[in-house]
Amino acid sequence: MWTWLASLIGGPIVSGLINAYKAKLDAANTRDRIAADLAAKEIEAEIATRAQASGIIIAEQGRWYTAIIRPLLAFPLIIYFWKVIVWDKVLGWGSTDPLSGMIADWAGMILTAYVGGRSIEKVARIFKR
């Protein structure tokens, strides 16, 4: 009698719990799949947006008045470094005061951006792949 009662109660209850758990797993897998699809579409949209922004920057740099800004900022530093290195150190014909204060900070930032900017772009492209 106990066996019959256990099989009567256990069979439908256990199979019902198993079916409910399977339905829950299917729903979670569907939800995860949808979330993954949405994430992939969002990443693709971000890549497209960045490519479009890059195209705009390239188009703007094609004009002389937008492309000349970086060289104009670097030109005074080039003159200063050449004077210090060639005139003062190599030829020994003078001495130049060192840059100080905010001008020294600006010079460091400009030099880092001008020389290191392209390297940073290359590293970013490597990580993007």
N, C-alpha and C. Protein backbone atom coordinates (compact mmCIF):
# COMPACT_ATOMS: atom_id res chain seq x y z
N MET A 1 0.81 -1.18 0.00
CA MET A 1 0.00 0.00 0.00
C MET A 1 0.86 1.26 0.00
N TRP A 2 1.92 1.26 0.80
CA TRP A 2 2.79 2.43 0.84
C TRP A 2 3.49 2.63 -0.50
N THR A 3 3.85 1.56 -1.14
CA THR A 3 4.52 1.66 -2.44
C THR A 3 3.57 2.27 -3.47
N TRP A 4 2.34 1.79 -3.42
CA TRP A 4 1.36 2.30 -4.37
C TRP A 4 1.11 3.79 -4.12
N LEU A 5 1.03 4.20 -2.87
CA LEU A 5 0.79 5.59 -2.51
C LEU A 5 1.98 6.46 -2.90
N ALA A 6 3.20 5.97 -2.70
CA ALA A 6 4.40 6.72 -3.08
C ALA A 6 4.49 6.89 -4.59
N SER A 7 4.16 5.84 -5.33
CA SER A 7 4.22 5.95 -6.79
C SER A 7 3.13 6.87 -7.32
N LEU A 8 1.97 6.86 -6.66
CA LEU A 8 0.89 7.73 -7.07
C LEU A 8 1.23 9.20 -6.85
N ILE A 9 1.78 9.51 -5.69
CA ILE A 9 2.13 10.89 -5.36
C ILE A 9 3.44 11.30 -6.02
N GLY A 10 4.43 10.41 -5.96
CA GLY A 10 5.76 10.76 -6.45
C GLY A 10 5.85 10.90 -7.94
N GLY A 11 5.18 10.04 -8.68
CA GLY A 11 5.30 10.08 -10.14
C GLY A 11 4.85 11.40 -10.73
N PRO A 12 3.62 11.81 -10.51
CA PRO A 12 3.15 13.06 -11.11
C PRO A 12 3.85 14.30 -10.52
N ILE A 13 4.14 14.26 -9.23
CA ILE A 13 4.79 15.43 -8.61
C ILE A 13 6.21 15.57 -9.12
N VAL A 14 6.97 14.48 -9.13
CA VAL A 14 8.36 14.55 -9.61
C VAL A 14 8.41 14.90 -11.08
N SER A 15 7.56 14.27 -11.88
CA SER A 15 7.58 14.59 -13.32
C SER A 15 7.13 16.04 -13.55
N GLY A 16 6.18 16.51 -12.76
CA GLY A 16 5.76 17.91 -12.87
C GLY A 16 6.88 18.87 -12.50
N LEU A 17 7.62 18.54 -11.43
CA LEU A 17 8.76 19.39 -11.04
C LEU A 17 9.85 19.38 -12.12
N ILE A 18 10.09 18.19 -12.66
CA ILE A 18 11.11 18.10 -13.73
C ILE A 18 10.68 18.91 -14.95
N ASN A 19 9.42 18.77 -15.35
CA ASN A 19 8.92 19.55 -16.50
C ASN A 19 8.98 21.05 -16.22
N ALA A 20 8.63 21.46 -15.02
CA ALA A 20 8.69 22.89 -14.67
C ALA A 20 10.13 23.39 -14.71
N TYR A 21 11.07 22.58 -14.23
CA TYR A 21 12.48 22.97 -14.25
C TYR A 21 12.99 23.07 -15.68
N LYS A 22 12.59 22.12 -16.53
CA LYS A 22 12.98 22.18 -17.95
C LYS A 22 12.42 23.43 -18.61
N ALA A 23 11.18 23.77 -18.32
CA ALA A 23 10.58 24.98 -18.88
C ALA A 23 11.32 26.22 -18.41
N LYS A 24 11.73 26.22 -17.14
CA LYS A 24 12.49 27.35 -16.60
C LYS A 24 13.84 27.48 -17.31
N LEU A 25 14.52 26.34 -17.52
CA LEU A 25 15.81 26.37 -18.22
C LEU A 25 15.65 26.85 -19.66
N ASP A 26 14.61 26.40 -20.34
CA ASP A 26 14.36 26.85 -21.71
C ASP A 26 14.11 28.35 -21.76
N ALA A 27 13.33 28.85 -20.78
CA ALA A 27 13.05 30.29 -20.72
C ALA A 27 14.33 31.06 -20.45
N ALA A 28 15.18 30.56 -19.55
CA ALA A 28 16.44 31.24 -19.23
C ALA A 28 17.36 31.22 -20.44
N ASN A 29 17.43 30.09 -21.15
CA ASN A 29 18.28 30.01 -22.34
C ASN A 29 17.79 30.95 -23.41
N THR A 30 16.48 31.05 -23.59
CA THR A 30 15.92 31.97 -24.57
C THR A 30 16.25 33.41 -24.17
N ARG A 31 16.09 33.72 -22.89
CA ARG A 31 16.39 35.06 -22.39
C ARG A 31 17.87 35.38 -22.58
N ASP A 32 18.73 34.42 -22.26
CA ASP A 32 20.17 34.63 -22.43
C ASP A 32 20.52 34.80 -23.90
N ARG A 33 19.90 34.01 -24.75
CA ARG A 33 20.16 34.11 -26.19
C ARG A 33 19.73 35.48 -26.71
N ILE A 34 18.57 35.94 -26.27
CA ILE A 34 18.10 37.27 -26.69
C ILE A 34 19.04 38.35 -26.17
N ALA A 35 19.47 38.22 -24.93
CA ALA A 35 20.40 39.20 -24.36
C ALA A 35 21.72 39.19 -25.13
N ALA A 36 22.21 38.01 -25.48
CA ALA A 36 23.46 37.93 -26.24
C ALA A 36 23.29 38.54 -27.63
N ASP A 37 22.15 38.28 -28.26
CA ASP A 37 21.89 38.88 -29.59
C ASP A 37 21.83 40.40 -29.50
N LEU A 38 21.16 40.90 -28.47
CA LEU A 38 21.08 42.35 -28.29
C LEU A 38 22.45 42.95 -28.03
N ALA A 39 23.26 42.27 -27.22
CA ALA A 39 24.61 42.77 -26.94
C ALA A 39 25.44 42.78 -28.21
N ALA A 40 25.34 41.75 -29.03
CA ALA A 40 26.10 41.70 -30.29
C ALA A 40 25.66 42.83 -31.22
N LYS A 41 24.36 43.09 -31.30
CA LYS A 41 23.88 44.19 -32.15
C LYS A 41 24.34 45.54 -31.62
N GLU A 42 24.37 45.68 -30.31
CA GLU A 42 24.85 46.93 -29.72
C GLU A 42 26.32 47.15 -30.02
N ILE A 43 27.11 46.09 -29.95
CA ILE A 43 28.54 46.21 -30.27
C ILE A 43 28.74 46.56 -31.74
N GLU A 44 27.96 45.92 -32.62
CA GLU A 44 28.05 46.23 -34.04
C GLU A 44 27.67 47.69 -34.30
N ALA A 45 26.65 48.19 -33.62
CA ALA A 45 26.24 49.58 -33.78
C ALA A 45 27.33 50.53 -33.28
N GLU A 46 27.99 50.17 -32.18
CA GLU A 46 29.08 51.00 -31.65
C GLU A 46 30.25 51.04 -32.64
N ILE A 47 30.58 49.90 -33.22
CA ILE A 47 31.66 49.85 -34.22
C ILE A 47 31.31 50.71 -35.42
N ALA A 48 30.07 50.63 -35.89
CA ALA A 48 29.64 51.44 -37.02
C ALA A 48 29.68 52.93 -36.68
N THR A 49 29.28 53.28 -35.48
CA THR A 49 29.32 54.68 -35.05
C THR A 49 30.75 55.20 -35.01
N ARG A 50 31.65 54.40 -34.46
CA ARG A 50 33.06 54.82 -34.41
C ARG A 50 33.67 54.92 -35.79
N ALA A 51 33.30 54.02 -36.69
CA ALA A 51 33.82 54.09 -38.06
C ALA A 51 33.32 55.37 -38.74
N GLN A 52 32.07 55.71 -38.50
CA GLN A 52 31.52 56.93 -39.07
C GLN A 52 32.22 58.16 -38.49
N ALA A 53 32.45 58.17 -37.18
CA ALA A 53 33.15 59.29 -36.55
C ALA A 53 34.57 59.39 -37.09
N SER A 54 35.21 58.25 -37.29
CA SER A 54 36.57 58.25 -37.85
C SER A 54 36.56 58.82 -39.25
N GLY A 55 35.54 58.47 -40.03
CA GLY A 55 35.42 59.03 -41.38
C GLY A 55 35.25 60.54 -41.37
N ILE A 56 34.49 61.04 -40.41
CA ILE A 56 34.29 62.49 -40.28
C ILE A 56 35.61 63.17 -39.94
N ILE A 57 36.36 62.58 -39.02
CA ILE A 57 37.65 63.16 -38.64
C ILE A 57 38.60 63.18 -39.82
N ILE A 58 38.64 62.08 -40.57
CA ILE A 58 39.51 62.01 -41.74
C ILE A 58 39.10 63.06 -42.77
N ALA A 59 37.79 63.22 -42.96
CA ALA A 59 37.31 64.22 -43.91
C ALA A 59 37.68 65.63 -43.45
N GLU A 60 37.57 65.89 -42.15
CA GLU A 60 37.92 67.22 -41.65
C GLU A 60 39.42 67.47 -41.73
N GLN A 61 40.22 66.45 -41.51
CA GLN A 61 41.67 66.63 -41.57
C GLN A 61 42.15 66.85 -43.00
N GLY A 62 41.29 66.61 -43.97
CA GLY A 62 41.65 66.85 -45.36
C GLY A 62 41.73 68.32 -45.70
N ARG A 63 41.20 69.16 -44.86
CA ARG A 63 41.27 70.61 -45.11
C ARG A 63 42.52 71.17 -44.45
N TRP A 64 43.14 72.12 -45.09
CA TRP A 64 44.41 72.63 -44.59
C TRP A 64 44.26 73.32 -43.24
N TYR A 65 43.14 74.01 -43.03
CA TYR A 65 42.98 74.77 -41.79
C TYR A 65 42.66 73.89 -40.58
N THR A 66 42.21 72.66 -40.80
CA THR A 66 42.03 71.76 -39.67
C THR A 66 43.25 70.86 -39.48
N ALA A 67 43.96 70.59 -40.56
CA ALA A 67 45.13 69.72 -40.46
C ALA A 67 46.37 70.46 -39.93
N ILE A 68 46.37 71.78 -39.96
CA ILE A 68 47.57 72.53 -39.59
C ILE A 68 47.68 72.80 -38.09
N ILE A 69 46.64 72.51 -37.33
CA ILE A 69 46.64 72.84 -35.91
C ILE A 69 47.75 72.11 -35.16
N ARG A 70 47.87 70.80 -35.36
CA ARG A 70 48.92 70.04 -34.66
C ARG A 70 50.32 70.52 -35.01
N PRO A 71 50.63 70.70 -36.29
CA PRO A 71 51.98 71.21 -36.60
C PRO A 71 52.25 72.61 -36.03
N LEU A 72 51.22 73.46 -35.99
CA LEU A 72 51.42 74.80 -35.43
C LEU A 72 51.71 74.74 -33.94
N LEU A 73 51.10 73.80 -33.22
CA LEU A 73 51.40 73.65 -31.80
C LEU A 73 52.79 73.06 -31.58
N ALA A 74 53.22 72.17 -32.47
CA ALA A 74 54.51 71.52 -32.29
C ALA A 74 55.68 72.38 -32.79
N PHE A 75 55.44 73.30 -33.70
CA PHE A 75 56.52 74.08 -34.30
C PHE A 75 57.36 74.86 -33.28
N PRO A 76 56.77 75.57 -32.31
CA PRO A 76 57.61 76.27 -31.32
C PRO A 76 58.47 75.30 -30.50
N LEU A 77 57.94 74.12 -30.20
CA LEU A 77 58.74 73.15 -29.46
C LEU A 77 59.90 72.63 -30.30
N ILE A 78 59.66 72.44 -31.57
CA ILE A 78 60.74 72.00 -32.46
C ILE A 78 61.85 73.04 -32.49
N ILE A 79 61.47 74.30 -32.62
CA ILE A 79 62.47 75.37 -32.62
C ILE A 79 63.24 75.38 -31.30
N TYR A 80 62.53 75.28 -30.19
CA TYR A 80 63.17 75.30 -28.87
C TYR A 80 64.14 74.13 -28.72
N PHE A 81 63.69 72.92 -29.04
CA PHE A 81 64.55 71.75 -28.89
C PHE A 81 65.76 71.80 -29.82
N TRP A 82 65.58 72.25 -31.04
CA TRP A 82 66.72 72.38 -31.95
C TRP A 82 67.71 73.41 -31.40
N LYS A 83 67.22 74.53 -30.88
CA LYS A 83 68.12 75.55 -30.35
C LYS A 83 68.90 74.99 -29.17
N VAL A 84 68.18 74.31 -28.25
CA VAL A 84 68.85 73.77 -27.06
C VAL A 84 69.85 72.70 -27.45
N ILE A 85 69.46 71.79 -28.34
CA ILE A 85 70.33 70.67 -28.68
C ILE A 85 71.48 71.11 -29.58
N VAL A 86 71.16 71.77 -30.69
CA VAL A 86 72.21 72.10 -31.67
C VAL A 86 73.02 73.31 -31.22
N TRP A 87 72.37 74.41 -30.93
CA TRP A 87 73.08 75.66 -30.65
C TRP A 87 73.79 75.61 -29.30
N ASP A 88 73.05 75.19 -28.26
CA ASP A 88 73.61 75.23 -26.91
C ASP A 88 74.54 74.04 -26.62
N LYS A 89 74.10 72.84 -26.92
CA LYS A 89 74.86 71.65 -26.52
C LYS A 89 75.90 71.24 -27.56
N VAL A 90 75.50 71.10 -28.82
CA VAL A 90 76.43 70.60 -29.84
C VAL A 90 77.48 71.64 -30.17
N LEU A 91 77.04 72.85 -30.48
CA LEU A 91 77.99 73.89 -30.87
C LEU A 91 78.55 74.66 -29.68
N GLY A 92 77.85 74.62 -28.55
CA GLY A 92 78.32 75.31 -27.35
C GLY A 92 78.33 76.83 -27.47
N TRP A 93 77.42 77.40 -28.22
CA TRP A 93 77.41 78.84 -28.48
C TRP A 93 76.42 79.62 -27.63
N GLY A 94 75.86 79.02 -26.62
CA GLY A 94 74.92 79.79 -25.80
C GLY A 94 74.27 78.91 -24.75
N SER A 95 73.34 79.52 -24.07
CA SER A 95 72.56 78.77 -23.09
C SER A 95 71.12 79.29 -23.14
N THR A 96 70.20 78.39 -23.02
CA THR A 96 68.79 78.72 -23.08
C THR A 96 68.16 78.38 -21.74
N ASP A 97 67.33 79.28 -21.24
CA ASP A 97 66.62 79.03 -20.00
C ASP A 97 65.69 77.82 -20.17
N PRO A 98 65.59 76.99 -19.16
CA PRO A 98 64.66 75.86 -19.26
C PRO A 98 63.21 76.33 -19.21
N LEU A 99 62.35 75.55 -19.80
CA LEU A 99 60.93 75.85 -19.72
C LEU A 99 60.47 75.61 -18.29
N SER A 100 59.53 76.42 -17.83
CA SER A 100 59.07 76.26 -16.46
C SER A 100 57.58 76.58 -16.38
N GLY A 101 56.99 76.18 -15.29
CA GLY A 101 55.57 76.48 -15.04
C GLY A 101 54.64 75.79 -16.00
N MET A 102 53.59 76.49 -16.35
CA MET A 102 52.57 75.92 -17.22
C MET A 102 53.10 75.67 -18.63
N ILE A 103 54.06 76.49 -19.06
CA ILE A 103 54.63 76.30 -20.39
C ILE A 103 55.32 74.94 -20.48
N ALA A 104 56.02 74.55 -19.44
CA ALA A 104 56.67 73.24 -19.42
C ALA A 104 55.62 72.13 -19.44
N ASP A 105 54.53 72.31 -18.70
CA ASP A 105 53.45 71.32 -18.72
C ASP A 105 52.83 71.20 -20.11
N TRP A 106 52.57 72.35 -20.71
CA TRP A 106 52.01 72.34 -22.06
C TRP A 106 52.95 71.67 -23.05
N ALA A 107 54.22 71.99 -22.94
CA ALA A 107 55.21 71.40 -23.85
C ALA A 107 55.21 69.89 -23.71
N GLY A 108 55.15 69.40 -22.49
CA GLY A 108 55.11 67.95 -22.29
C GLY A 108 53.86 67.32 -22.86
N MET A 109 52.73 67.97 -22.66
CA MET A 109 51.47 67.44 -23.20
C MET A 109 51.47 67.45 -24.73
N ILE A 110 51.94 68.55 -25.32
CA ILE A 110 51.96 68.66 -26.77
C ILE A 110 52.90 67.61 -27.36
N LEU A 111 54.07 67.48 -26.78
CA LEU A 111 55.03 66.51 -27.29
C LEU A 111 54.51 65.08 -27.14
N THR A 112 53.90 64.79 -26.01
CA THR A 112 53.34 63.45 -25.80
C THR A 112 52.22 63.17 -26.78
N ALA A 113 51.34 64.13 -26.97
CA ALA A 113 50.22 63.94 -27.90
C ALA A 113 50.72 63.80 -29.33
N TYR A 114 51.71 64.61 -29.71
CA TYR A 114 52.17 64.59 -31.09
C TYR A 114 52.96 63.33 -31.40
N VAL A 115 53.84 62.94 -30.51
CA VAL A 115 54.68 61.77 -30.75
C VAL A 115 53.96 60.47 -30.34
N GLY A 116 53.29 60.50 -29.20
CA GLY A 116 52.66 59.28 -28.69
C GLY A 116 51.26 59.04 -29.19
N GLY A 117 50.62 60.03 -29.78
CA GLY A 117 49.24 59.87 -30.22
C GLY A 117 49.07 58.76 -31.23
N ARG A 118 49.93 58.70 -32.20
CA ARG A 118 49.83 57.66 -33.23
C ARG A 118 50.07 56.28 -32.63
N SER A 119 51.00 56.18 -31.69
CA SER A 119 51.26 54.90 -31.04
C SER A 119 50.05 54.43 -30.26
N ILE A 120 49.39 55.34 -29.57
CA ILE A 120 48.19 55.00 -28.81
C ILE A 120 47.09 54.52 -29.76
N GLU A 121 46.96 55.18 -30.92
CA GLU A 121 45.96 54.76 -31.90
C GLU A 121 46.25 53.35 -32.40
N LYS A 122 47.52 53.03 -32.64
CA LYS A 122 47.87 51.70 -33.11
C LYS A 122 47.58 50.64 -32.05
N VAL A 123 47.90 50.92 -30.79
CA VAL A 123 47.62 49.98 -29.72
C VAL A 123 46.11 49.78 -29.56
N ALA A 124 45.34 50.87 -29.68
CA ALA A 124 43.88 50.76 -29.58
C ALA A 124 43.32 49.88 -30.69
N ARG A 125 43.87 50.01 -31.90
CA ARG A 125 43.41 49.16 -33.01
C ARG A 125 43.74 47.69 -32.76
N ILE A 126 44.88 47.42 -32.15
CA ILE A 126 45.25 46.04 -31.84
C ILE A 126 44.26 45.44 -30.85
N PHE A 127 43.91 46.19 -29.79
CA PHE A 127 42.97 45.70 -28.80
C PHE A 127 41.56 45.62 -29.35
N LYS A 128 41.24 46.45 -30.34
CA LYS A 128 39.93 46.44 -30.94
C LYS A 128 39.68 45.14 -31.69
N ARG A 129 40.74 44.60 -32.31
CA ARG A 129 40.62 43.33 -33.04
C ARG A 129 40.35 42.23 -32.07
